[in-house]
Amino acid sequence: MPVSGLLAHLEAGLAVLQAQPRRQLPSLWGAALQATLTAVNWPGQRSLSSFEYQAIQALDKVFQALAALDALEKNMSLAEILSRLQELCREQIYQPEAEGRCNCR
């Protein structure tokens, strides 16, 4: 990918985050962060390895856990969400089942 393409993706991701309110529910931050990943073209269009696919599935579970924090009915800042996201990622058990390539996407 040319540098201009990468820059365009990064600008699109930044635009998603800049469009967010300063504080919002965790589920809305989760959706915004997922939209940011899509805007920066992550994980891309290539075929994923089995490990990569399973890691993305584990990340999806983290975003689900983040959305469950809505039960607290507390709007949070991006910094608070990123901190909580790090905690949830550390708590997420990730043990890939098998190595290899799959056409998972």
N, C-alpha and C. Protein backbone atom coordinates (compact mmCIF):
# COMPACT_ATOMS: atom_id res chain seq x y z
N MET A 1 0.84 -1.17 0.00
CA MET A 1 0.00 0.00 0.00
C MET A 1 0.89 1.24 0.00
N PRO A 2 0.60 2.17 -0.89
CA PRO A 2 1.37 3.40 -0.89
C PRO A 2 1.12 4.20 0.39
N VAL A 3 2.09 5.05 0.70
CA VAL A 3 1.99 5.88 1.90
C VAL A 3 0.71 6.72 1.87
N SER A 4 0.33 7.20 0.71
CA SER A 4 -0.88 8.02 0.61
C SER A 4 -2.11 7.23 1.01
N GLY A 5 -2.15 5.95 0.66
CA GLY A 5 -3.27 5.09 1.05
C GLY A 5 -3.29 4.88 2.56
N LEU A 6 -2.13 4.66 3.14
CA LEU A 6 -2.04 4.49 4.59
C LEU A 6 -2.48 5.76 5.29
N LEU A 7 -2.03 6.89 4.80
CA LEU A 7 -2.40 8.17 5.39
C LEU A 7 -3.91 8.38 5.32
N ALA A 8 -4.51 8.03 4.19
CA ALA A 8 -5.97 8.17 4.04
C ALA A 8 -6.70 7.30 5.05
N HIS A 9 -6.23 6.07 5.27
CA HIS A 9 -6.85 5.18 6.26
C HIS A 9 -6.72 5.76 7.66
N LEU A 10 -5.53 6.25 7.99
CA LEU A 10 -5.32 6.82 9.32
C LEU A 10 -6.19 8.05 9.55
N GLU A 11 -6.30 8.89 8.52
CA GLU A 11 -7.16 10.08 8.64
C GLU A 11 -8.62 9.67 8.82
N ALA A 12 -9.05 8.63 8.13
CA ALA A 12 -10.43 8.15 8.27
C ALA A 12 -10.67 7.63 9.68
N GLY A 13 -9.70 6.91 10.23
CA GLY A 13 -9.83 6.40 11.59
C GLY A 13 -9.88 7.53 12.60
N LEU A 14 -9.04 8.52 12.42
CA LEU A 14 -9.03 9.68 13.31
C LEU A 14 -10.35 10.43 13.23
N ALA A 15 -10.91 10.54 12.04
CA ALA A 15 -12.19 11.23 11.86
C ALA A 15 -13.30 10.53 12.63
N VAL A 16 -13.28 9.20 12.65
CA VAL A 16 -14.29 8.44 13.41
C VAL A 16 -14.19 8.80 14.88
N LEU A 17 -12.98 8.80 15.41
CA LEU A 17 -12.81 9.11 16.84
C LEU A 17 -13.15 10.56 17.15
N GLN A 18 -12.77 11.48 16.28
CA GLN A 18 -13.03 12.89 16.52
C GLN A 18 -14.52 13.22 16.47
N ALA A 19 -15.30 12.39 15.80
CA ALA A 19 -16.74 12.62 15.70
C ALA A 19 -17.50 12.17 16.96
N GLN A 20 -16.80 11.51 17.87
CA GLN A 20 -17.44 10.99 19.07
C GLN A 20 -17.59 12.07 20.13
N PRO A 21 -18.66 11.96 20.94
CA PRO A 21 -18.76 12.86 22.09
C PRO A 21 -17.63 12.57 23.07
N ARG A 22 -17.36 13.51 23.94
CA ARG A 22 -16.27 13.32 24.91
C ARG A 22 -16.55 12.18 25.87
N ARG A 23 -17.81 11.98 26.21
CA ARG A 23 -18.20 10.91 27.14
C ARG A 23 -19.42 10.21 26.55
N GLN A 24 -19.41 8.88 26.61
CA GLN A 24 -20.55 8.10 26.16
C GLN A 24 -20.51 6.72 26.78
N LEU A 25 -21.57 5.96 26.56
CA LEU A 25 -21.64 4.61 27.13
C LEU A 25 -20.57 3.71 26.51
N PRO A 26 -20.12 2.73 27.27
CA PRO A 26 -19.09 1.81 26.76
C PRO A 26 -19.46 1.13 25.44
N SER A 27 -20.72 0.74 25.27
CA SER A 27 -21.11 0.07 24.02
C SER A 27 -20.93 1.01 22.82
N LEU A 28 -21.20 2.29 23.02
CA LEU A 28 -21.02 3.25 21.93
C LEU A 28 -19.54 3.46 21.62
N TRP A 29 -18.70 3.47 22.67
CA TRP A 29 -17.25 3.55 22.44
C TRP A 29 -16.78 2.29 21.71
N GLY A 30 -17.30 1.14 22.12
CA GLY A 30 -16.90 -0.11 21.46
C GLY A 30 -17.22 -0.07 19.98
N ALA A 31 -18.43 0.40 19.64
CA ALA A 31 -18.81 0.51 18.24
C ALA A 31 -17.91 1.51 17.51
N ALA A 32 -17.59 2.61 18.18
CA ALA A 32 -16.71 3.62 17.57
C ALA A 32 -15.30 3.06 17.34
N LEU A 33 -14.80 2.30 18.30
CA LEU A 33 -13.46 1.72 18.14
C LEU A 33 -13.45 0.67 17.03
N GLN A 34 -14.52 -0.11 16.93
CA GLN A 34 -14.60 -1.08 15.85
C GLN A 34 -14.69 -0.37 14.50
N ALA A 35 -15.45 0.74 14.45
CA ALA A 35 -15.53 1.52 13.22
C ALA A 35 -14.18 2.13 12.88
N THR A 36 -13.42 2.50 13.90
CA THR A 36 -12.08 3.04 13.67
C THR A 36 -11.18 1.98 13.06
N LEU A 37 -11.26 0.76 13.59
CA LEU A 37 -10.45 -0.33 13.02
C LEU A 37 -10.83 -0.58 11.56
N THR A 38 -12.11 -0.54 11.27
CA THR A 38 -12.56 -0.71 9.88
C THR A 38 -12.05 0.42 9.00
N ALA A 39 -12.11 1.65 9.53
CA ALA A 39 -11.65 2.82 8.75
C ALA A 39 -10.17 2.75 8.44
N VAL A 40 -9.38 2.17 9.33
CA VAL A 40 -7.93 2.06 9.06
C VAL A 40 -7.60 0.77 8.29
N ASN A 41 -8.68 0.10 7.85
CA ASN A 41 -8.55 -1.11 7.03
C ASN A 41 -7.89 -2.27 7.78
N TRP A 42 -8.26 -2.41 9.04
CA TRP A 42 -7.74 -3.51 9.85
C TRP A 42 -8.79 -4.58 9.97
N PRO A 43 -8.48 -5.81 9.72
CA PRO A 43 -7.17 -6.42 9.49
C PRO A 43 -6.77 -6.49 8.03
N GLY A 44 -7.48 -5.85 7.16
CA GLY A 44 -7.12 -5.87 5.75
C GLY A 44 -7.93 -6.90 4.97
N GLN A 45 -7.56 -7.08 3.72
CA GLN A 45 -8.33 -7.94 2.82
C GLN A 45 -7.70 -9.31 2.59
N ARG A 46 -6.50 -9.49 3.08
CA ARG A 46 -5.84 -10.78 2.82
C ARG A 46 -6.49 -11.89 3.65
N SER A 47 -6.21 -13.13 3.28
CA SER A 47 -6.68 -14.26 4.08
C SER A 47 -5.95 -14.27 5.41
N LEU A 48 -6.69 -14.57 6.45
CA LEU A 48 -6.10 -14.60 7.79
C LEU A 48 -5.63 -16.00 8.13
N SER A 49 -4.58 -16.08 8.91
CA SER A 49 -4.18 -17.38 9.44
C SER A 49 -5.20 -17.79 10.48
N SER A 50 -5.19 -19.03 10.84
CA SER A 50 -6.10 -19.51 11.88
C SER A 50 -5.87 -18.76 13.18
N PHE A 51 -4.61 -18.54 13.53
CA PHE A 51 -4.28 -17.80 14.75
C PHE A 51 -4.84 -16.38 14.70
N GLU A 52 -4.66 -15.72 13.56
CA GLU A 52 -5.16 -14.35 13.43
C GLU A 52 -6.68 -14.31 13.55
N TYR A 53 -7.35 -15.25 12.88
CA TYR A 53 -8.80 -15.30 12.94
C TYR A 53 -9.28 -15.50 14.38
N GLN A 54 -8.63 -16.41 15.09
CA GLN A 54 -9.01 -16.67 16.48
C GLN A 54 -8.72 -15.45 17.37
N ALA A 55 -7.65 -14.74 17.09
CA ALA A 55 -7.35 -13.53 17.86
C ALA A 55 -8.42 -12.47 17.64
N ILE A 56 -8.89 -12.34 16.41
CA ILE A 56 -9.96 -11.38 16.12
C ILE A 56 -11.24 -11.79 16.82
N GLN A 57 -11.52 -13.09 16.86
CA GLN A 57 -12.70 -13.57 17.59
C GLN A 57 -12.58 -13.24 19.08
N ALA A 58 -11.39 -13.39 19.63
CA ALA A 58 -11.17 -13.06 21.04
C ALA A 58 -11.37 -11.57 21.26
N LEU A 59 -10.92 -10.75 20.33
CA LEU A 59 -11.11 -9.30 20.44
C LEU A 59 -12.60 -8.96 20.38
N ASP A 60 -13.35 -9.65 19.55
CA ASP A 60 -14.80 -9.43 19.50
C ASP A 60 -15.44 -9.71 20.85
N LYS A 61 -14.96 -10.73 21.53
CA LYS A 61 -15.48 -11.04 22.88
C LYS A 61 -15.16 -9.91 23.85
N VAL A 62 -13.99 -9.30 23.69
CA VAL A 62 -13.61 -8.17 24.54
C VAL A 62 -14.56 -7.01 24.30
N PHE A 63 -14.89 -6.75 23.04
CA PHE A 63 -15.83 -5.66 22.74
C PHE A 63 -17.22 -5.97 23.31
N GLN A 64 -17.61 -7.24 23.32
CA GLN A 64 -18.89 -7.62 23.93
C GLN A 64 -18.86 -7.36 25.44
N ALA A 65 -17.75 -7.69 26.07
CA ALA A 65 -17.60 -7.44 27.50
C ALA A 65 -17.62 -5.94 27.79
N LEU A 66 -17.02 -5.16 26.90
CA LEU A 66 -17.03 -3.72 27.06
C LEU A 66 -18.47 -3.19 26.99
N ALA A 67 -19.24 -3.70 26.06
CA ALA A 67 -20.64 -3.27 25.92
C ALA A 67 -21.45 -3.63 27.16
N ALA A 68 -21.10 -4.73 27.81
CA ALA A 68 -21.82 -5.15 29.01
C ALA A 68 -21.66 -4.15 30.15
N LEU A 69 -20.65 -3.30 30.06
CA LEU A 69 -20.44 -2.28 31.09
C LEU A 69 -21.53 -1.21 31.06
N ASP A 70 -22.36 -1.22 30.02
CA ASP A 70 -23.47 -0.27 29.95
C ASP A 70 -24.40 -0.42 31.16
N ALA A 71 -24.41 -1.62 31.75
CA ALA A 71 -25.26 -1.86 32.92
C ALA A 71 -24.92 -0.90 34.05
N LEU A 72 -23.70 -0.38 34.03
CA LEU A 72 -23.32 0.60 35.04
C LEU A 72 -23.95 1.96 34.78
N GLU A 73 -24.49 2.11 33.56
CA GLU A 73 -25.14 3.35 33.13
C GLU A 73 -24.26 4.57 33.39
N LYS A 74 -23.02 4.44 33.06
CA LYS A 74 -22.07 5.53 33.27
C LYS A 74 -21.40 5.88 31.96
N ASN A 75 -21.51 7.13 31.59
CA ASN A 75 -20.77 7.60 30.42
C ASN A 75 -19.30 7.69 30.80
N MET A 76 -18.45 7.29 29.85
CA MET A 76 -17.02 7.25 30.11
C MET A 76 -16.29 8.03 29.02
N SER A 77 -15.10 8.49 29.36
CA SER A 77 -14.25 9.17 28.37
C SER A 77 -13.49 8.13 27.55
N LEU A 78 -12.89 8.57 26.47
CA LEU A 78 -12.09 7.67 25.65
C LEU A 78 -10.92 7.11 26.46
N ALA A 79 -10.29 7.94 27.27
CA ALA A 79 -9.16 7.46 28.09
C ALA A 79 -9.62 6.37 29.05
N GLU A 80 -10.79 6.56 29.67
CA GLU A 80 -11.31 5.55 30.59
C GLU A 80 -11.63 4.26 29.85
N ILE A 81 -12.21 4.39 28.66
CA ILE A 81 -12.55 3.20 27.86
C ILE A 81 -11.29 2.46 27.43
N LEU A 82 -10.28 3.18 27.00
CA LEU A 82 -9.04 2.52 26.57
C LEU A 82 -8.38 1.79 27.75
N SER A 83 -8.43 2.38 28.91
CA SER A 83 -7.89 1.72 30.10
C SER A 83 -8.66 0.45 30.40
N ARG A 84 -9.98 0.54 30.35
CA ARG A 84 -10.82 -0.64 30.62
C ARG A 84 -10.62 -1.69 29.54
N LEU A 85 -10.46 -1.26 28.30
CA LEU A 85 -10.23 -2.18 27.19
C LEU A 85 -8.93 -2.95 27.40
N GLN A 86 -7.89 -2.27 27.87
CA GLN A 86 -6.63 -2.95 28.17
C GLN A 86 -6.83 -4.01 29.26
N GLU A 87 -7.58 -3.66 30.29
CA GLU A 87 -7.85 -4.63 31.36
C GLU A 87 -8.59 -5.84 30.81
N LEU A 88 -9.62 -5.60 30.01
CA LEU A 88 -10.39 -6.70 29.45
C LEU A 88 -9.54 -7.58 28.53
N CYS A 89 -8.63 -6.96 27.78
CA CYS A 89 -7.74 -7.74 26.91
C CYS A 89 -6.80 -8.60 27.74
N ARG A 90 -6.29 -8.04 28.84
CA ARG A 90 -5.40 -8.84 29.71
C ARG A 90 -6.16 -10.02 30.33
N GLU A 91 -7.44 -9.83 30.61
CA GLU A 91 -8.24 -10.88 31.23
C GLU A 91 -8.71 -11.93 30.23
N GLN A 92 -8.73 -11.57 28.96
CA GLN A 92 -9.23 -12.47 27.92
C GLN A 92 -8.25 -13.64 27.74
N ILE A 93 -8.76 -14.84 27.88
CA ILE A 93 -7.94 -16.03 27.66
C ILE A 93 -7.92 -16.30 26.16
N TYR A 94 -6.71 -16.38 25.63
CA TYR A 94 -6.55 -16.63 24.21
C TYR A 94 -5.61 -17.82 24.04
N GLN A 95 -6.19 -18.93 23.64
CA GLN A 95 -5.41 -20.13 23.36
C GLN A 95 -5.82 -20.64 21.99
N PRO A 96 -5.04 -20.31 20.97
CA PRO A 96 -5.42 -20.75 19.63
C PRO A 96 -5.49 -22.26 19.53
N GLU A 97 -6.45 -22.72 18.73
CA GLU A 97 -6.68 -24.15 18.62
C GLU A 97 -5.70 -24.86 17.71
N ALA A 98 -5.43 -24.27 16.56
CA ALA A 98 -4.53 -24.94 15.61
C ALA A 98 -3.90 -23.90 14.72
N GLU A 99 -2.72 -24.19 14.23
CA GLU A 99 -2.03 -23.27 13.34
C GLU A 99 -2.38 -23.64 11.90
N GLY A 100 -2.33 -22.65 11.05
CA GLY A 100 -2.60 -22.87 9.63
C GLY A 100 -3.26 -21.66 9.04
N ARG A 101 -3.68 -21.79 7.82
CA ARG A 101 -4.34 -20.67 7.15
C ARG A 101 -5.80 -21.06 6.93
N CYS A 102 -6.64 -20.06 6.99
CA CYS A 102 -8.04 -20.29 6.69
C CYS A 102 -8.55 -19.11 5.86
N ASN A 103 -9.60 -19.32 5.15
CA ASN A 103 -10.26 -18.23 4.42
C ASN A 103 -11.44 -17.79 5.27
N CYS A 104 -11.10 -17.23 6.44
CA CYS A 104 -12.10 -16.92 7.46
C CYS A 104 -12.82 -15.61 7.18
N ARG A 105 -12.34 -14.81 6.31
CA ARG A 105 -13.01 -13.53 6.01
C ARG A 105 -13.20 -13.36 4.55
